[in-house]
Amino acid sequence: VDPDSDSDEPWDQPLKVGGKAKIIAGLHAYMGNSGDDPSDDYADFYFSSEANPPDWKLFDTIQLTRDEVDSGGFGTFTSKSFTIEEGTPIQAIRVDLRYRGGPDDEACTGGQWADTDDLGFFVAPN
């Protein structure tokens, strides 16, 4: 999770309610039968204002492309910004990497070609 200041400059302040953030995730794509096309892979980005139990909200989906991954299928992907909502002091994000299909209602695609990772983080009050 990275504070979003609409620039590439790091922020000195903590993540806080009402602020904006984005997710930066390293992913390993399936490169397709030809070995060079990850376009059947998608990354779904979720956030929850409560970590336990989470109430996932989908806010971005990225379709992976050839120029975003190296020859081994590894790449770094950045979500669009989301607003940190009122909630508990520990909030959470989730990235669900999936092969084809659409975002899952439960925020966890599952299956042989899917991977889901979560991260809890502290949010300062506004």
Foldseek 3Di string as FASTA:
>chain_A
DAFCPVDPDGDPDDAAAQGKDKDKDKDAADCPPVQQFRQQKKKWKWWALDVVPGDTDTDFMDGDGRVQAPSRRIHIDMTDMDGRHDHDQKIKMKIKMDGHDDQDPVRHPDDDRIDMDMDIDGHDYD
